[in-house]
Amino acid sequence: MHVPLLLEMAGQALGDRVSVGGAADGMSAEQLDLAARRAATFFATAGVERVVLVDLNSVAVPICMFGAGYAGLPFVPVNYRLTDDQLRAILVRTSPAIVVTGEGMADRIGEIDGLQLISRPDLLAICAADTEPEVAPLVTDSAEDIAVLLFTSGTTGEPKAAVLRHGNLTSYILGTVEFAGADPDDAALVSVPPYHIAGVSAILSSVFSGRRLVYLESFEPATWVDTARSEQITHAMVVPTMLGRILDDLDERGLELPALRALSYGGGPMPQALVERAVQRLPKVDFVNAYGLTETASTISVLGPDDHREAIASDDPAVRRRLGSVGRPIPTVELTVRGPDGEVLGPNERGEIWVRGDQVSGQYVGRDDRTDGWFHTRDAGEFDDAGYLYVHGRLDDVIVRGGENLSPGEIEYALLEFPGVAEAAVVGIPDTEWGERVVAAVVLDDDAHVDEAALRDHVRAKLRSTKTPERVQFRESLPTNETGKLLRRVLRTELAEEFNRPS
């Protein structure tokens, strides 16, 4: 199945129900489908091989994604936050392509062979014109066709282009979303950027379920809260840092979110205290922790609302601990934890997370990271006795101290349990004696006062001395990207400069 078929089905079944935009002036699924077909006619006659987007969130994002699919072309949303040189280097790799640009982006891009630039307003004008689209013969129906290319951040070299085929994306949607199952008043608020897998999956799941999609160009807590209230938002996805700032804004202004029914989170470790605070502050909201990767076309494991409530209410440490898990694998994927030789490990044995299923791509342009269909995620993890999955960070982030492998995630979780700690990150920095030594960066709650020695003693008591940070740096913030994901390599460089500085 091809991705545009999801929109075509919604357009035929949901009539005038608003699909994207404001409740009063948004675009129906039928109108969105027509706009995407007009865009496809334009794309298909341009003689290009890809449709690229360099822009903020807007209705142009779903139009471009579905329009590219109708035209049989890959959709390539690119990170507009890159430096000009980085941006141009990626765009060169997409040629020949149509590039849809937001305000000021064309000047940054300049002239590149094989690229045809069109502004968002000009594209939307084409999509609004009273013309009959001609796309039917342009669409193929192979699930192996490439639907989306998402470039990695490229922090350790040239960015890789992750391949998501139509079959990967539609398998995920068909396996997890009920067609037209949303209530007529359901609305999802999306503030993640269009080049993030969460932004892609939000479009597909919202359109297919019939849930209205409301965009924020970027995240700002007061704007998020105001939009959630004015647009009667029922569903949203946030990262841990966003959730804390949303709760702070609600408390500062004495506001509520009466329409909100479901809040999913992911993208990093969620402090248990923050989860408990959120559940208490928003008692009618169902919380979901969703774990997935770009290469898996979104979510592969879920800690659901009942799991949250059971863990918070339990006095059993093993059940309570589940708040730090990502739940259980979704039914449509196989998920195992493997040792260094690929052997399947048992409960409470830490190794690499492998996943297999129709939604799993595990491929990049020019490279396949699968073994017999299994994708090696490079994430460290383990199952508990009840089948709950715990993710301990990237294998590349493992700290090797005196020949012992230490998990940053385990140490971070211990730090987050200490009262007053809002965020924590642990890295290894070069050390002549031990190879690497453990150091931490911590952000405190407002007005919190935490003693470094007490914090280190807490970790030592929870874990052991070799896992205790030798130094702790208190900071105003941690380096993250726009989705809240920790830039661990940036932090490692900063802490190495701080703590390895000659005295």
Protein backbone atom coordinates (compact mmCIF):
# COMPACT_ATOMS: atom_id res chain seq x y z
CA MET A 1 0.00 0.00 0.00
CA HIS A 2 1.12 3.56 -0.76
CA VAL A 3 0.93 6.35 1.83
CA PRO A 4 -1.49 8.54 -0.24
CA LEU A 5 -4.09 5.78 -0.06
CA LEU A 6 -4.44 6.56 3.67
CA LEU A 7 -5.46 10.11 2.77
CA GLU A 8 -7.69 9.00 -0.09
CA MET A 9 -9.57 6.67 2.25
CA ALA A 10 -9.99 9.44 4.82
CA GLY A 11 -11.17 11.90 2.18
CA GLN A 12 -13.85 9.50 0.99
CA ALA A 13 -15.03 8.40 4.43
CA LEU A 14 -14.85 11.52 6.61
CA GLY A 15 -16.54 14.09 4.39
CA ASP A 16 -16.23 17.65 5.71
CA ARG A 17 -14.51 16.77 9.00
CA VAL A 18 -11.54 19.14 9.46
CA SER A 19 -8.27 17.28 8.94
CA VAL A 20 -5.62 19.96 9.46
CA GLY A 21 -5.74 23.48 10.88
CA GLY A 22 -8.09 25.43 13.13
CA ALA A 23 -11.51 24.09 14.00
CA ALA A 24 -13.15 27.12 12.38
CA ASP A 25 -11.07 27.47 9.23
CA GLY A 26 -9.14 24.24 8.71
CA MET A 27 -8.93 21.97 5.69
CA SER A 28 -11.00 18.79 5.43
CA ALA A 29 -9.48 15.45 4.47
CA GLU A 30 -11.21 15.73 1.10
CA GLN A 31 -9.74 19.21 0.56
CA LEU A 32 -6.31 18.04 1.72
CA ASP A 33 -6.47 15.15 -0.72
CA LEU A 34 -7.35 17.49 -3.59
CA ALA A 35 -4.53 19.89 -2.64
CA ALA A 36 -2.04 17.00 -2.48
CA ARG A 37 -3.12 15.80 -5.94
CA ARG A 38 -2.64 19.28 -7.39
CA ALA A 39 0.80 19.45 -5.78
CA ALA A 40 1.56 16.01 -7.22
CA THR A 41 0.68 17.18 -10.74
CA PHE A 42 3.14 20.05 -10.31
CA PHE A 43 5.85 17.80 -8.86
CA ALA A 44 5.46 15.11 -11.50
CA THR A 45 5.80 17.52 -14.42
CA ALA A 46 8.96 19.14 -13.03
CA GLY A 47 11.29 16.35 -14.13
CA VAL A 48 12.75 15.77 -10.64
CA GLU A 49 13.41 12.72 -8.48
CA ARG A 50 12.55 14.06 -5.00
CA VAL A 51 10.37 16.60 -3.19
CA VAL A 52 12.34 18.46 -0.52
CA LEU A 53 10.94 20.69 2.24
CA VAL A 54 13.01 23.31 4.06
CA ASP A 55 10.39 25.01 6.19
CA LEU A 56 8.65 25.26 9.54
CA ASN A 57 5.43 23.44 10.38
CA SER A 58 2.39 24.38 8.30
CA VAL A 59 -0.31 22.78 6.17
CA ALA A 60 2.35 22.56 3.44
CA VAL A 61 3.97 19.64 5.28
CA PRO A 62 1.18 17.08 4.76
CA ILE A 63 0.46 18.49 1.29
CA CYS A 64 4.09 17.90 0.28
CA MET A 65 4.30 14.44 1.83
CA PHE A 66 1.09 13.13 0.28
CA GLY A 67 1.71 15.05 -2.95
CA ALA A 68 5.15 13.49 -3.32
CA GLY A 69 3.61 10.08 -2.74
CA TYR A 70 0.94 10.64 -5.37
CA ALA A 71 3.67 11.66 -7.81
CA GLY A 72 5.73 8.56 -7.01
CA LEU A 73 8.57 10.62 -5.50
CA PRO A 74 10.28 10.45 -2.09
CA PHE A 75 9.50 13.24 0.38
CA VAL A 76 12.62 14.72 2.02
CA PRO A 77 12.04 17.18 4.91
CA VAL A 78 15.39 18.74 5.81
CA ASN A 79 16.60 20.29 9.06
CA TYR A 80 16.39 24.05 8.56
CA ARG A 81 18.39 24.59 11.77
CA LEU A 82 21.61 23.38 10.15
CA THR A 83 24.29 25.86 9.27
CA ASP A 84 24.13 27.18 5.72
CA ASP A 85 27.06 24.99 4.64
CA GLN A 86 25.51 21.87 6.22
CA LEU A 87 22.15 22.63 4.67
CA ARG A 88 23.60 23.11 1.21
CA ALA A 89 25.68 19.94 1.50
CA ILE A 90 22.56 17.87 2.18
CA LEU A 91 20.56 19.58 -0.55
CA VAL A 92 23.26 18.79 -3.11
CA ARG A 93 22.66 15.11 -2.31
CA THR A 94 18.92 15.44 -3.03
CA SER A 95 19.35 16.80 -6.57
CA PRO A 96 17.45 16.76 -8.89
CA ALA A 97 14.61 17.95 -6.71
CA ILE A 98 11.83 20.43 -6.12
CA VAL A 99 12.61 22.33 -2.90
CA VAL A 100 9.69 23.95 -1.07
CA THR A 101 11.08 26.80 1.02
CA GLY A 102 9.89 28.77 4.01
CA GLU A 103 10.55 32.42 4.67
CA GLY A 104 14.23 33.32 4.26
CA MET A 105 15.28 29.80 3.27
CA ALA A 106 15.80 30.46 -0.43
CA ASP A 107 18.45 33.08 0.34
CA ARG A 108 20.27 30.57 2.54
CA ILE A 109 20.20 27.89 -0.14
CA GLY A 110 21.22 29.97 -3.14
CA GLU A 111 21.67 28.27 -6.50
CA ILE A 112 22.44 24.55 -6.62
CA ASP A 113 22.50 22.52 -9.82
CA GLY A 114 19.41 20.40 -10.24
CA LEU A 115 17.31 22.15 -7.58
CA GLN A 116 14.12 24.02 -8.42
CA LEU A 117 13.02 26.25 -5.55
CA ILE A 118 9.41 27.23 -4.89
CA SER A 119 8.18 29.20 -1.90
CA ARG A 120 5.51 27.85 0.39
CA PRO A 121 2.99 30.58 -0.61
CA ASP A 122 3.53 29.84 -4.30
CA LEU A 123 3.03 26.11 -3.77
CA LEU A 124 -0.13 26.69 -1.73
CA ALA A 125 -1.43 28.95 -4.50
CA ILE A 126 -0.99 26.10 -6.99
CA CYS A 127 -2.80 23.74 -4.61
CA ALA A 128 -5.69 26.19 -4.21
CA ALA A 129 -6.13 26.86 -7.92
CA ASP A 130 -9.34 25.66 -9.54
CA THR A 131 -7.62 23.06 -11.70
CA GLU A 132 -8.25 19.37 -12.16
CA PRO A 133 -5.25 17.33 -10.91
CA GLU A 134 -3.81 14.69 -13.21
CA VAL A 135 -2.00 12.21 -11.00
CA ALA A 136 -3.72 8.86 -11.42
CA PRO A 137 -1.24 7.42 -13.95
CA LEU A 138 1.75 8.74 -12.01
CA VAL A 139 1.35 6.56 -8.94
CA THR A 140 2.90 3.12 -8.65
CA ASP A 141 1.67 0.69 -6.04
CA SER A 142 4.83 -1.02 -4.85
CA ALA A 143 5.26 -1.03 -1.07
CA GLU A 144 9.01 -1.03 -1.73
CA ASP A 145 8.95 2.46 -3.21
CA ILE A 146 10.65 5.06 -1.00
CA ALA A 147 8.12 7.31 0.73
CA VAL A 148 10.34 9.43 2.98
CA LEU A 149 14.06 10.11 3.41
CA LEU A 150 15.11 11.49 6.80
CA PHE A 151 18.68 12.68 7.28
CA THR A 152 20.39 11.92 10.58
CA SER A 153 21.99 14.68 12.61
CA GLY A 154 25.46 13.78 11.38
CA THR A 155 27.21 14.51 14.69
CA THR A 156 29.96 11.96 13.94
CA GLY A 157 30.33 12.41 10.20
CA GLU A 158 28.29 12.92 7.07
CA PRO A 159 24.57 12.57 7.79
CA LYS A 160 22.99 9.29 6.72
CA ALA A 161 19.72 9.29 4.81
CA ALA A 162 17.35 6.88 6.55
CA VAL A 163 15.00 5.15 4.10
CA LEU A 164 11.32 4.72 4.95
CA ARG A 165 9.35 2.85 2.32
CA HIS A 166 5.61 3.09 1.78
CA GLY A 167 5.25 -0.41 3.18
CA ASN A 168 7.06 0.51 6.40
CA LEU A 169 4.87 3.52 7.12
CA THR A 170 1.55 2.00 6.12
CA SER A 171 2.31 -1.18 8.08
CA TYR A 172 2.85 0.89 11.20
CA ILE A 173 -0.40 2.82 10.71
CA LEU A 174 -2.54 -0.19 9.80
CA GLY A 175 -1.17 -2.11 12.76
CA THR A 176 -1.65 0.59 15.39
CA VAL A 177 -4.39 3.01 14.29
CA GLU A 178 -8.12 2.37 13.84
CA PHE A 179 -9.41 3.84 10.58
CA ALA A 180 -11.78 6.77 11.24
CA GLY A 181 -11.69 5.79 14.91
CA ALA A 182 -11.22 9.28 16.31
CA ASP A 183 -14.11 11.21 17.80
CA PRO A 184 -15.29 14.19 15.72
CA ASP A 185 -13.87 16.63 18.30
CA ASP A 186 -10.43 14.97 18.58
CA ALA A 187 -7.49 17.25 17.83
CA ALA A 188 -3.74 16.58 18.02
CA LEU A 189 -1.20 19.32 18.73
CA VAL A 190 2.13 18.86 16.94
CA SER A 191 5.18 20.96 17.78
CA VAL A 192 7.95 18.59 16.66
CA PRO A 193 9.60 19.66 13.38
CA PRO A 194 8.60 18.12 10.04
CA TYR A 195 11.98 16.39 9.59
CA HIS A 196 11.48 14.28 12.74
CA ILE A 197 9.89 10.82 12.53
CA ALA A 198 7.32 11.90 15.14
CA GLY A 199 6.22 14.65 12.76
CA VAL A 200 5.80 12.16 9.92
CA SER A 201 3.87 9.62 12.00
CA ALA A 202 1.66 12.36 13.49
CA ILE A 203 0.41 13.25 10.01
CA LEU A 204 -0.33 9.68 9.02
CA SER A 205 -1.97 8.59 12.27
CA SER A 206 -4.08 11.75 12.55
CA VAL A 207 -5.31 11.68 8.96
CA PHE A 208 -6.08 7.96 9.01
CA SER A 209 -7.91 8.10 12.35
CA GLY A 210 -9.80 11.29 11.49
CA ARG A 211 -8.15 13.36 14.21
CA ARG A 212 -7.67 17.06 13.40
CA LEU A 213 -4.02 18.06 13.15
CA VAL A 214 -2.99 21.41 14.67
CA TYR A 215 0.53 22.71 14.09
CA LEU A 216 2.81 24.94 16.13
CA GLU A 217 5.76 26.31 14.18
CA SER A 218 7.98 25.64 17.20
CA PHE A 219 7.57 24.88 20.90
CA GLU A 220 7.09 27.63 23.48
CA PRO A 221 5.24 26.62 26.67
CA ALA A 222 2.79 29.51 26.93
CA THR A 223 1.92 29.28 23.22
CA TRP A 224 1.52 25.52 23.55
CA VAL A 225 -0.85 25.91 26.51
CA ASP A 226 -2.84 28.71 24.86
CA THR A 227 -3.22 26.73 21.63
CA ALA A 228 -4.20 23.58 23.51
CA ARG A 229 -6.93 25.56 25.27
CA SER A 230 -8.22 27.59 22.33
CA GLU A 231 -8.25 24.66 19.88
CA GLN A 232 -9.60 22.16 22.44
CA ILE A 233 -6.64 19.84 21.95
CA THR A 234 -7.33 16.26 23.04
CA HIS A 235 -4.03 14.57 22.10
CA ALA A 236 -0.40 15.69 22.10
CA MET A 237 3.17 14.39 22.09
CA VAL A 238 5.98 16.01 24.12
CA VAL A 239 9.52 15.32 25.26
CA PRO A 240 10.41 15.42 29.00
CA THR A 241 11.74 18.97 28.98
CA MET A 242 8.57 20.19 27.25
CA LEU A 243 6.33 18.52 29.82
CA GLY A 244 8.06 20.18 32.75
CA ARG A 245 7.78 23.61 31.15
CA ILE A 246 4.11 23.04 30.29
CA LEU A 247 3.33 22.13 33.90
CA ASP A 248 5.23 25.19 35.14
CA ASP A 249 3.22 27.45 32.84
CA LEU A 250 -0.07 25.92 33.96
CA ASP A 251 0.87 26.45 37.60
CA GLU A 252 2.14 30.00 37.09
CA ARG A 253 -1.03 31.10 35.31
CA GLY A 254 -3.46 28.89 37.21
CA LEU A 255 -4.76 27.31 34.02
CA GLU A 256 -6.19 23.91 33.15
CA LEU A 257 -6.34 21.79 29.99
CA PRO A 258 -9.95 20.60 30.15
CA ALA A 259 -10.05 18.98 26.70
CA LEU A 260 -6.75 17.08 26.93
CA ARG A 261 -7.28 13.32 27.17
CA ALA A 262 -4.02 11.73 26.02
CA LEU A 263 -0.39 12.81 26.28
CA SER A 264 2.43 10.72 24.87
CA TYR A 265 6.08 11.35 25.57
CA GLY A 266 9.44 10.04 24.42
CA GLY A 267 12.83 11.09 23.16
CA GLY A 268 14.68 10.78 26.45
CA PRO A 269 14.52 9.59 30.06
CA MET A 270 11.52 10.93 31.94
CA PRO A 271 12.22 11.68 35.63
CA GLN A 272 9.86 9.67 37.83
CA ALA A 273 9.06 12.74 39.89
CA LEU A 274 7.99 14.59 36.74
CA VAL A 275 5.71 11.75 35.64
CA GLU A 276 4.10 11.64 39.08
CA ARG A 277 3.69 15.41 39.09
CA ALA A 278 2.07 15.31 35.64
CA VAL A 279 -0.36 12.55 36.62
CA GLN A 280 -1.36 14.46 39.75
CA ARG A 281 -1.68 17.78 37.91
CA LEU A 282 -3.60 16.27 34.97
CA PRO A 283 -5.52 13.38 36.56
CA LYS A 284 -7.93 12.88 33.64
CA VAL A 285 -5.15 12.52 31.08
CA ASP A 286 -3.93 9.14 29.82
CA PHE A 287 -0.11 9.10 29.70
CA VAL A 288 1.84 6.99 27.19
CA ASN A 289 5.59 6.50 26.94
CA ALA A 290 6.38 5.64 23.32
CA TYR A 291 9.76 4.26 22.24
CA GLY A 292 10.76 4.12 18.61
CA LEU A 293 13.37 5.17 16.09
CA THR A 294 13.47 6.80 12.70
CA GLU A 295 14.49 3.48 11.19
CA THR A 296 11.45 1.72 12.68
CA ALA A 297 8.86 4.15 11.29
CA SER A 298 8.01 5.34 14.80
CA THR A 299 6.83 3.45 17.88
CA ILE A 300 7.86 -0.14 18.66
CA SER A 301 7.20 -0.28 22.42
CA VAL A 302 4.62 1.40 24.65
CA LEU A 303 4.09 2.01 28.38
CA GLY A 304 0.35 2.62 28.41
CA PRO A 305 -2.02 4.55 30.67
CA ASP A 306 -2.89 1.55 32.84
CA ASP A 307 0.81 0.78 33.27
CA HIS A 308 1.37 4.32 34.53
CA ARG A 309 -1.48 4.18 37.01
CA GLU A 310 -0.54 0.74 38.31
CA ALA A 311 3.12 1.70 38.79
CA ILE A 312 2.34 4.97 40.58
CA ALA A 313 -0.16 3.28 42.91
CA SER A 314 2.05 0.29 43.74
CA ASP A 315 4.27 -0.22 46.80
CA ASP A 316 6.10 -3.04 45.02
CA PRO A 317 9.53 -1.71 43.90
CA ALA A 318 9.51 -3.96 40.83
CA VAL A 319 6.16 -2.55 39.68
CA ARG A 320 7.08 1.00 40.65
CA ARG A 321 10.27 0.69 38.60
CA ARG A 322 8.21 0.31 35.43
CA LEU A 323 7.78 4.08 35.26
CA GLY A 324 11.38 4.07 34.06
CA SER A 325 10.63 1.56 31.29
CA VAL A 326 9.28 1.99 27.78
CA GLY A 327 6.67 -0.67 28.37
CA ARG A 328 6.13 -3.70 26.17
CA PRO A 329 6.63 -4.21 22.42
CA ILE A 330 3.64 -3.48 20.22
CA PRO A 331 2.03 -6.64 18.78
CA THR A 332 3.16 -6.05 15.20
CA VAL A 333 6.92 -6.25 15.85
CA GLU A 334 9.35 -8.79 17.28
CA LEU A 335 11.83 -7.36 19.76
CA THR A 336 14.76 -9.07 21.46
CA VAL A 337 17.81 -8.12 23.48
CA ARG A 338 21.04 -9.65 22.11
CA GLY A 339 24.56 -10.20 23.35
CA PRO A 340 27.73 -9.22 21.46
CA ASP A 341 27.62 -12.42 19.36
CA GLY A 342 23.94 -11.99 18.49
CA GLU A 343 22.69 -14.46 21.09
CA VAL A 344 19.25 -13.78 22.61
CA LEU A 345 19.54 -12.75 26.26
CA GLY A 346 17.11 -13.51 29.05
CA PRO A 347 15.33 -11.20 31.51
CA ASN A 348 17.55 -8.76 33.41
CA GLU A 349 20.44 -9.33 31.02
CA ARG A 350 21.64 -6.19 29.31
CA GLY A 351 22.51 -6.11 25.62
CA GLU A 352 21.57 -4.54 22.29
CA ILE A 353 17.94 -4.10 21.26
CA TRP A 354 17.08 -5.81 17.96
CA VAL A 355 13.71 -5.41 16.24
CA ARG A 356 11.99 -6.96 13.24
CA GLY A 357 8.66 -6.33 11.52
CA ASP A 358 7.04 -4.93 8.39
CA GLN A 359 7.28 -1.38 9.72
CA VAL A 360 11.02 -1.71 10.33
CA SER A 361 13.27 -0.35 7.61
CA GLY A 362 16.74 -0.39 9.14
CA GLN A 363 18.07 0.92 5.86
CA TYR A 364 19.94 3.99 4.68
CA VAL A 365 20.74 5.13 1.19
CA GLY A 366 23.51 2.77 0.10
CA ARG A 367 23.47 0.70 3.30
CA ASP A 368 21.36 -1.94 5.08
CA ASP A 369 21.80 -2.48 8.84
CA ARG A 370 19.63 -5.59 9.07
CA THR A 371 20.51 -9.24 9.65
CA ASP A 372 17.81 -11.64 8.39
CA GLY A 373 15.34 -8.77 8.73
CA TRP A 374 16.47 -7.84 12.25
CA PHE A 375 17.52 -4.22 12.72
CA HIS A 376 20.35 -3.63 15.17
CA THR A 377 19.21 -0.45 16.94
CA ARG A 378 22.51 0.30 18.71
CA ASP A 379 20.39 1.01 21.79
CA ALA A 380 21.33 -0.80 25.00
CA GLY A 381 18.46 -2.36 26.91
CA GLU A 382 17.04 -5.21 28.94
CA PHE A 383 13.69 -6.84 29.73
CA ASP A 384 12.46 -7.39 33.26
CA ASP A 385 10.73 -10.59 34.37
CA ALA A 386 7.33 -9.21 33.31
CA GLY A 387 8.45 -8.31 29.79
CA TYR A 388 8.88 -4.56 30.29
CA LEU A 389 11.70 -3.05 28.26
CA TYR A 390 14.28 -0.69 29.75
CA VAL A 391 16.42 1.42 27.42
CA HIS A 392 19.86 2.38 28.72
CA GLY A 393 21.01 4.71 25.98
CA ARG A 394 23.14 4.23 22.92
CA LEU A 395 25.80 1.53 22.90
CA ASP A 396 28.19 4.14 21.53
CA ASP A 397 27.61 6.14 24.71
CA VAL A 398 28.73 3.35 27.04
CA ILE A 399 31.47 4.52 29.39
CA VAL A 400 34.49 2.23 29.58
CA ARG A 401 36.17 2.76 32.94
CA GLY A 402 39.08 0.47 33.75
CA GLY A 403 37.77 -2.14 31.31
CA GLU A 404 34.24 -2.10 32.80
CA ASN A 405 31.29 -1.02 30.65
CA LEU A 406 29.02 1.46 32.46
CA SER A 407 25.58 2.57 31.27
CA PRO A 408 25.00 6.34 31.36
CA GLY A 409 21.24 5.77 31.47
CA GLU A 410 21.39 3.79 34.70
CA ILE A 411 23.41 6.51 36.41
CA GLU A 412 21.18 9.25 35.03
CA TYR A 413 18.09 7.54 36.38
CA ALA A 414 19.67 7.39 39.84
CA LEU A 415 20.49 11.10 39.66
CA LEU A 416 16.93 11.95 38.59
CA GLU A 417 15.58 10.23 41.71
CA PHE A 418 17.34 12.78 43.94
CA PRO A 419 15.01 15.56 45.16
CA GLY A 420 15.51 18.80 43.28
CA VAL A 421 17.13 17.28 40.17
CA ALA A 422 15.15 18.18 37.04
CA GLU A 423 17.51 16.90 34.33
CA ALA A 424 20.69 14.83 34.35
CA ALA A 425 23.19 13.60 31.79
CA VAL A 426 26.23 11.38 32.32
CA VAL A 427 29.21 10.95 30.00
CA GLY A 428 32.70 9.53 30.07
CA ILE A 429 35.62 11.87 29.51
CA PRO A 430 39.21 10.82 28.72
CA ASP A 431 41.34 9.79 31.69
CA THR A 432 44.98 8.66 31.59
CA GLU A 433 44.57 6.17 34.44
CA TRP A 434 41.11 4.64 33.87
CA GLY A 435 40.59 5.28 30.15
CA GLU A 436 37.40 7.20 30.92
CA ARG A 437 35.99 8.69 34.08
CA VAL A 438 32.36 9.30 34.92
CA VAL A 439 31.14 12.89 35.09
CA ALA A 440 27.65 14.34 35.19
CA ALA A 441 25.79 17.50 34.26
CA VAL A 442 22.70 18.33 36.29
CA VAL A 443 19.90 20.91 35.96
CA LEU A 444 18.03 21.66 39.18
CA ASP A 445 14.42 22.56 39.77
CA ASP A 446 13.78 26.24 40.38
CA ASP A 447 14.81 27.25 43.92
CA ALA A 448 16.36 23.82 44.59
CA HIS A 449 19.66 23.59 46.45
CA VAL A 450 21.60 20.37 46.00
CA ASP A 451 24.99 19.52 47.47
CA GLU A 452 27.34 17.75 45.08
CA ALA A 453 28.67 15.43 47.78
CA ALA A 454 25.15 14.40 48.82
CA LEU A 455 24.24 13.74 45.20
CA ARG A 456 27.31 11.56 44.70
CA ASP A 457 26.58 9.71 47.95
CA HIS A 458 23.06 9.03 46.72
CA VAL A 459 24.34 7.45 43.49
CA ARG A 460 26.92 5.42 45.40
CA ALA A 461 24.21 4.05 47.69
CA LYS A 462 21.90 3.21 44.78
CA LEU A 463 24.59 1.72 42.54
CA ARG A 464 28.24 1.43 43.55
CA SER A 465 31.41 3.47 43.70
CA THR A 466 32.60 2.75 40.14
CA LYS A 467 29.32 4.15 38.79
CA THR A 468 29.41 7.28 40.93
CA PRO A 469 30.25 10.48 39.01
CA GLU A 470 33.62 11.81 40.03
CA ARG A 471 32.47 15.32 39.29
CA VAL A 472 29.08 16.99 38.88
CA GLN A 473 28.54 20.23 36.99
CA PHE A 474 25.39 22.19 37.81
CA ARG A 475 24.04 23.96 34.75
CA GLU A 476 21.15 26.13 33.65
CA SER A 477 20.38 23.74 30.79
CA LEU A 478 21.68 20.74 28.88
CA PRO A 479 22.58 20.92 25.18
CA THR A 480 19.66 19.50 23.21
CA ASN A 481 18.27 19.66 19.72
CA GLU A 482 14.90 21.25 18.95
CA THR A 483 13.03 18.06 19.90
CA GLY A 484 14.66 17.94 23.32
CA LYS A 485 17.07 15.10 22.54
CA LEU A 486 20.34 15.35 24.45
CA LEU A 487 23.37 16.24 22.34
CA ARG A 488 25.60 13.93 24.31
CA ARG A 489 28.72 14.41 22.21
CA VAL A 490 28.46 18.18 22.61
CA LEU A 491 28.13 17.75 26.37
CA ARG A 492 31.06 15.34 26.47
CA THR A 493 33.27 17.89 24.76
CA GLU A 494 32.16 20.67 27.11
CA LEU A 495 32.68 18.60 30.26
CA ALA A 496 36.06 17.32 29.07
CA GLU A 497 37.19 20.90 28.58
CA GLU A 498 35.90 21.83 32.05
CA PHE A 499 37.17 18.91 34.11
CA ASN A 500 40.38 18.06 32.22
CA ARG A 501 41.56 21.66 32.23
CA PRO A 502 45.13 21.91 33.64
CA SER A 503 45.11 23.33 37.17
